[in-house]
């Protein structure tokens, strides 16, 4: 685990509304307050690439490095901030 800055989001509304998202819940709440979160990491690597995957936030690739050049090819942010991009939230 490595602590990381996070802007948390709320749990989905437990009451579903009839419509195009039924039977899924909407996640509309998010915070503007920065928190420090401890998230699990999985770090698979081979002779060419090294990844850091965050399984607790949906298995997102957090970092990716080309080992031969020691160069990151996926940008790593210093904080994660979810927003309501899709109908079902983060």
N, C-alpha and C. Protein backbone atom coordinates (compact mmCIF):
# COMPACT_ATOMS: atom_id res chain seq x y z
N UNK A 1 0.84 -1.18 0.00
CA UNK A 1 0.00 0.00 0.00
C UNK A 1 0.88 1.24 0.00
N UNK A 2 0.42 2.21 -0.72
CA UNK A 2 1.12 3.50 -0.77
C UNK A 2 0.08 4.59 -0.62
N UNK A 3 0.28 5.54 0.30
CA UNK A 3 -0.71 6.61 0.44
C UNK A 3 -0.73 7.50 -0.79
N UNK A 4 -1.92 7.94 -1.17
CA UNK A 4 -2.09 8.78 -2.35
C UNK A 4 -3.18 9.81 -2.08
N UNK A 5 -3.04 10.97 -2.66
CA UNK A 5 -4.06 12.01 -2.50
C UNK A 5 -5.32 11.63 -3.26
N UNK A 6 -6.47 11.85 -2.66
CA UNK A 6 -7.73 11.46 -3.29
C UNK A 6 -8.83 12.47 -2.99
N UNK A 7 -9.66 12.68 -3.97
CA UNK A 7 -10.90 13.44 -3.80
C UNK A 7 -12.01 12.39 -3.85
N UNK A 8 -12.56 12.00 -2.70
CA UNK A 8 -13.50 10.87 -2.67
C UNK A 8 -14.85 11.18 -3.29
N UNK A 9 -15.58 10.13 -3.58
CA UNK A 9 -16.95 10.24 -4.06
C UNK A 9 -17.86 9.49 -3.10
N UNK A 10 -19.13 9.80 -3.14
CA UNK A 10 -20.07 9.18 -2.20
C UNK A 10 -20.56 7.84 -2.74
N UNK A 11 -21.21 7.11 -1.87
CA UNK A 11 -21.83 5.86 -2.29
C UNK A 11 -23.01 6.17 -3.20
N UNK A 12 -23.38 5.22 -4.07
CA UNK A 12 -24.53 5.47 -4.95
C UNK A 12 -25.82 5.61 -4.16
N UNK A 13 -26.77 6.32 -4.74
CA UNK A 13 -28.10 6.47 -4.16
C UNK A 13 -28.74 5.09 -4.10
N UNK A 14 -29.16 4.61 -2.92
CA UNK A 14 -29.69 3.25 -2.81
C UNK A 14 -31.06 3.05 -3.46
N UNK A 15 -31.72 4.13 -3.85
CA UNK A 15 -33.03 4.02 -4.48
C UNK A 15 -32.86 4.25 -5.98
N UNK A 16 -33.12 3.21 -6.76
CA UNK A 16 -32.98 3.37 -8.21
C UNK A 16 -34.17 4.13 -8.77
N UNK A 17 -33.90 4.87 -9.81
CA UNK A 17 -34.97 5.60 -10.49
C UNK A 17 -35.28 4.88 -11.80
N UNK A 18 -36.55 4.76 -12.15
CA UNK A 18 -36.86 4.14 -13.43
C UNK A 18 -36.32 5.01 -14.56
N UNK A 19 -35.82 4.38 -15.57
CA UNK A 19 -35.27 5.12 -16.70
C UNK A 19 -34.20 4.31 -17.39
N UNK A 20 -33.33 5.00 -18.11
CA UNK A 20 -32.35 4.28 -18.93
C UNK A 20 -31.26 3.61 -18.10
N UNK A 21 -31.04 4.03 -16.86
CA UNK A 21 -30.00 3.41 -16.04
C UNK A 21 -30.53 2.27 -15.16
N UNK A 22 -31.83 2.05 -15.13
CA UNK A 22 -32.39 0.99 -14.30
C UNK A 22 -31.83 -0.34 -14.77
N UNK A 23 -31.39 -1.24 -13.96
CA UNK A 23 -31.48 -1.37 -12.51
C UNK A 23 -30.26 -0.84 -11.78
N UNK A 24 -29.44 -0.02 -12.42
CA UNK A 24 -28.23 0.48 -11.79
C UNK A 24 -28.49 1.76 -11.00
N UNK A 25 -27.59 2.04 -10.07
CA UNK A 25 -27.69 3.23 -9.23
C UNK A 25 -26.83 4.34 -9.82
N UNK A 26 -27.19 5.58 -9.54
CA UNK A 26 -26.36 6.72 -9.95
C UNK A 26 -25.42 7.10 -8.82
N UNK A 27 -24.23 7.51 -9.19
CA UNK A 27 -23.25 8.03 -8.22
C UNK A 27 -23.04 9.50 -8.55
N UNK A 28 -23.72 10.38 -7.85
CA UNK A 28 -23.66 11.80 -8.17
C UNK A 28 -22.81 12.62 -7.20
N UNK A 29 -22.50 12.08 -6.04
CA UNK A 29 -21.82 12.89 -5.05
C UNK A 29 -20.31 12.77 -5.12
N UNK A 30 -19.62 13.90 -5.05
CA UNK A 30 -18.17 13.90 -4.95
C UNK A 30 -17.74 15.08 -4.10
N UNK A 31 -16.51 15.01 -3.62
CA UNK A 31 -16.03 15.99 -2.65
C UNK A 31 -14.97 16.90 -3.27
N UNK A 32 -14.85 18.10 -2.73
CA UNK A 32 -13.78 19.01 -3.12
C UNK A 32 -12.64 18.99 -2.10
N UNK A 33 -12.78 18.15 -1.08
CA UNK A 33 -11.80 18.10 0.00
C UNK A 33 -10.78 16.99 -0.28
N UNK A 34 -9.51 17.31 -0.21
CA UNK A 34 -8.44 16.36 -0.46
C UNK A 34 -8.19 15.49 0.76
N UNK A 35 -8.13 14.18 0.57
CA UNK A 35 -7.85 13.23 1.64
C UNK A 35 -6.65 12.38 1.25
N UNK A 36 -6.02 11.76 2.22
CA UNK A 36 -4.93 10.83 1.97
C UNK A 36 -5.50 9.43 2.09
N UNK A 37 -5.43 8.65 1.02
CA UNK A 37 -6.02 7.31 1.00
C UNK A 37 -4.92 6.26 0.83
N UNK A 38 -5.02 5.16 1.57
CA UNK A 38 -4.12 4.02 1.39
C UNK A 38 -4.81 3.03 0.47
N UNK A 39 -4.26 2.84 -0.71
CA UNK A 39 -4.84 1.93 -1.69
C UNK A 39 -3.87 0.80 -1.99
N UNK A 40 -4.42 -0.39 -2.19
CA UNK A 40 -3.60 -1.53 -2.57
C UNK A 40 -3.08 -1.33 -3.98
N UNK A 41 -1.90 -1.87 -4.24
CA UNK A 41 -1.31 -1.81 -5.57
C UNK A 41 -0.89 -3.21 -5.99
N UNK A 42 -1.01 -3.48 -7.27
CA UNK A 42 -0.45 -4.68 -7.86
C UNK A 42 0.59 -4.20 -8.86
N UNK A 43 1.80 -4.76 -8.79
CA UNK A 43 2.88 -4.30 -9.66
C UNK A 43 3.41 -5.43 -10.53
N UNK A 44 2.69 -5.78 -11.60
CA UNK A 44 3.22 -6.80 -12.52
C UNK A 44 4.34 -6.20 -13.38
N UNK A 45 5.33 -7.02 -13.67
CA UNK A 45 6.40 -6.55 -14.54
C UNK A 45 7.04 -7.73 -15.26
N UNK A 46 7.67 -7.41 -16.38
CA UNK A 46 8.46 -8.39 -17.11
C UNK A 46 9.77 -7.71 -17.48
N UNK A 47 10.50 -8.24 -18.44
CA UNK A 47 11.78 -7.67 -18.81
C UNK A 47 11.68 -6.34 -19.51
N UNK A 48 10.48 -5.96 -19.96
CA UNK A 48 10.32 -4.75 -20.77
C UNK A 48 9.47 -3.67 -20.11
N UNK A 49 8.44 -4.06 -19.40
CA UNK A 49 7.48 -3.10 -18.85
C UNK A 49 7.28 -3.33 -17.37
N UNK A 50 6.92 -2.25 -16.67
CA UNK A 50 6.51 -2.33 -15.26
C UNK A 50 5.24 -1.51 -15.11
N UNK A 51 4.21 -2.12 -14.50
CA UNK A 51 2.92 -1.46 -14.30
C UNK A 51 2.62 -1.33 -12.82
N UNK A 52 1.79 -0.35 -12.49
CA UNK A 52 1.20 -0.25 -11.15
C UNK A 52 -0.30 -0.15 -11.38
N UNK A 53 -1.04 -1.13 -10.86
CA UNK A 53 -2.49 -1.21 -11.05
C UNK A 53 -3.15 -1.04 -9.69
N UNK A 54 -4.22 -0.25 -9.66
CA UNK A 54 -4.97 0.00 -8.42
C UNK A 54 -6.29 -0.78 -8.47
N UNK A 55 -6.36 -1.98 -7.86
CA UNK A 55 -7.58 -2.78 -7.95
C UNK A 55 -8.77 -2.19 -7.20
N UNK A 56 -8.55 -1.37 -6.17
CA UNK A 56 -9.65 -0.83 -5.38
C UNK A 56 -10.40 0.28 -6.09
N UNK A 57 -9.85 0.82 -7.17
CA UNK A 57 -10.56 1.86 -7.93
C UNK A 57 -10.86 1.36 -9.34
N UNK A 58 -11.18 0.07 -9.43
CA UNK A 58 -11.62 -0.48 -10.71
C UNK A 58 -10.52 -1.07 -11.56
N UNK A 59 -9.36 -1.35 -10.99
CA UNK A 59 -8.28 -1.95 -11.75
C UNK A 59 -7.61 -1.00 -12.73
N UNK A 60 -7.62 0.26 -12.41
CA UNK A 60 -7.02 1.25 -13.31
C UNK A 60 -5.50 1.16 -13.28
N UNK A 61 -4.89 1.33 -14.46
CA UNK A 61 -3.43 1.39 -14.54
C UNK A 61 -3.01 2.76 -14.04
N UNK A 62 -2.21 2.79 -12.99
CA UNK A 62 -1.82 4.04 -12.37
C UNK A 62 -0.49 4.55 -12.91
N UNK A 63 0.45 3.64 -13.11
CA UNK A 63 1.76 3.98 -13.67
C UNK A 63 2.15 2.89 -14.66
N UNK A 64 2.91 3.26 -15.68
CA UNK A 64 3.47 2.28 -16.61
C UNK A 64 4.82 2.80 -17.09
N UNK A 65 5.83 1.94 -16.99
CA UNK A 65 7.19 2.32 -17.35
C UNK A 65 7.75 1.40 -18.42
N UNK A 66 8.51 1.96 -19.32
CA UNK A 66 9.34 1.21 -20.26
C UNK A 66 10.68 1.01 -19.55
N UNK A 67 11.02 -0.24 -19.21
CA UNK A 67 12.19 -0.48 -18.38
C UNK A 67 13.51 -0.24 -19.11
N UNK A 68 13.56 -0.48 -20.42
CA UNK A 68 14.83 -0.31 -21.13
C UNK A 68 15.27 1.15 -21.17
N UNK A 69 14.31 2.07 -21.17
CA UNK A 69 14.63 3.50 -21.20
C UNK A 69 14.34 4.19 -19.87
N UNK A 70 13.75 3.44 -18.93
CA UNK A 70 13.30 3.99 -17.65
C UNK A 70 12.46 5.24 -17.89
N UNK A 71 11.47 5.06 -18.76
CA UNK A 71 10.63 6.17 -19.20
C UNK A 71 9.17 5.83 -18.97
N UNK A 72 8.40 6.68 -18.28
CA UNK A 72 6.97 6.39 -18.10
C UNK A 72 6.20 6.64 -19.39
N UNK A 73 5.36 5.68 -19.79
CA UNK A 73 4.53 5.89 -20.97
C UNK A 73 3.06 6.04 -20.64
N UNK A 74 2.70 5.96 -19.37
CA UNK A 74 1.37 6.34 -18.89
C UNK A 74 1.60 7.38 -17.79
N UNK A 75 0.99 8.53 -17.96
CA UNK A 75 1.19 9.64 -17.02
C UNK A 75 0.60 9.29 -15.66
N UNK A 76 1.38 9.50 -14.60
CA UNK A 76 0.92 9.26 -13.24
C UNK A 76 0.59 10.60 -12.59
N UNK A 77 -0.64 10.76 -12.17
CA UNK A 77 -1.02 11.98 -11.48
C UNK A 77 -0.70 11.85 -9.99
N UNK A 78 -0.64 12.95 -9.32
CA UNK A 78 -0.33 12.95 -7.88
C UNK A 78 -1.58 12.76 -7.02
N UNK A 79 -2.76 12.86 -7.63
CA UNK A 79 -4.03 12.67 -6.91
C UNK A 79 -5.06 12.15 -7.91
N UNK A 80 -6.03 11.40 -7.42
CA UNK A 80 -7.11 11.00 -8.32
C UNK A 80 -8.40 11.67 -7.90
N UNK A 81 -9.17 12.03 -8.89
CA UNK A 81 -10.41 12.78 -8.67
C UNK A 81 -11.45 12.24 -9.65
N UNK A 82 -12.45 11.54 -9.12
CA UNK A 82 -13.49 10.98 -9.97
C UNK A 82 -14.57 12.01 -10.24
N UNK A 83 -15.15 11.96 -11.38
CA UNK A 83 -16.26 12.83 -11.74
C UNK A 83 -17.32 12.02 -12.47
N UNK A 84 -18.50 12.58 -12.55
CA UNK A 84 -19.65 11.91 -13.16
C UNK A 84 -19.56 12.04 -14.68
N UNK A 85 -18.75 11.21 -15.29
CA UNK A 85 -18.58 11.25 -16.74
C UNK A 85 -19.62 10.36 -17.41
N UNK A 86 -19.83 9.19 -16.86
CA UNK A 86 -20.82 8.27 -17.40
C UNK A 86 -22.08 8.34 -16.53
N UNK A 87 -23.13 7.69 -16.98
CA UNK A 87 -24.37 7.71 -16.21
C UNK A 87 -24.25 7.04 -14.86
N UNK A 88 -23.33 6.08 -14.76
CA UNK A 88 -23.21 5.32 -13.53
C UNK A 88 -22.10 5.80 -12.62
N UNK A 89 -21.48 6.92 -12.91
CA UNK A 89 -20.49 7.48 -12.00
C UNK A 89 -19.10 6.93 -12.23
N UNK A 90 -18.26 6.90 -11.19
CA UNK A 90 -16.84 6.57 -11.33
C UNK A 90 -16.60 5.14 -11.73
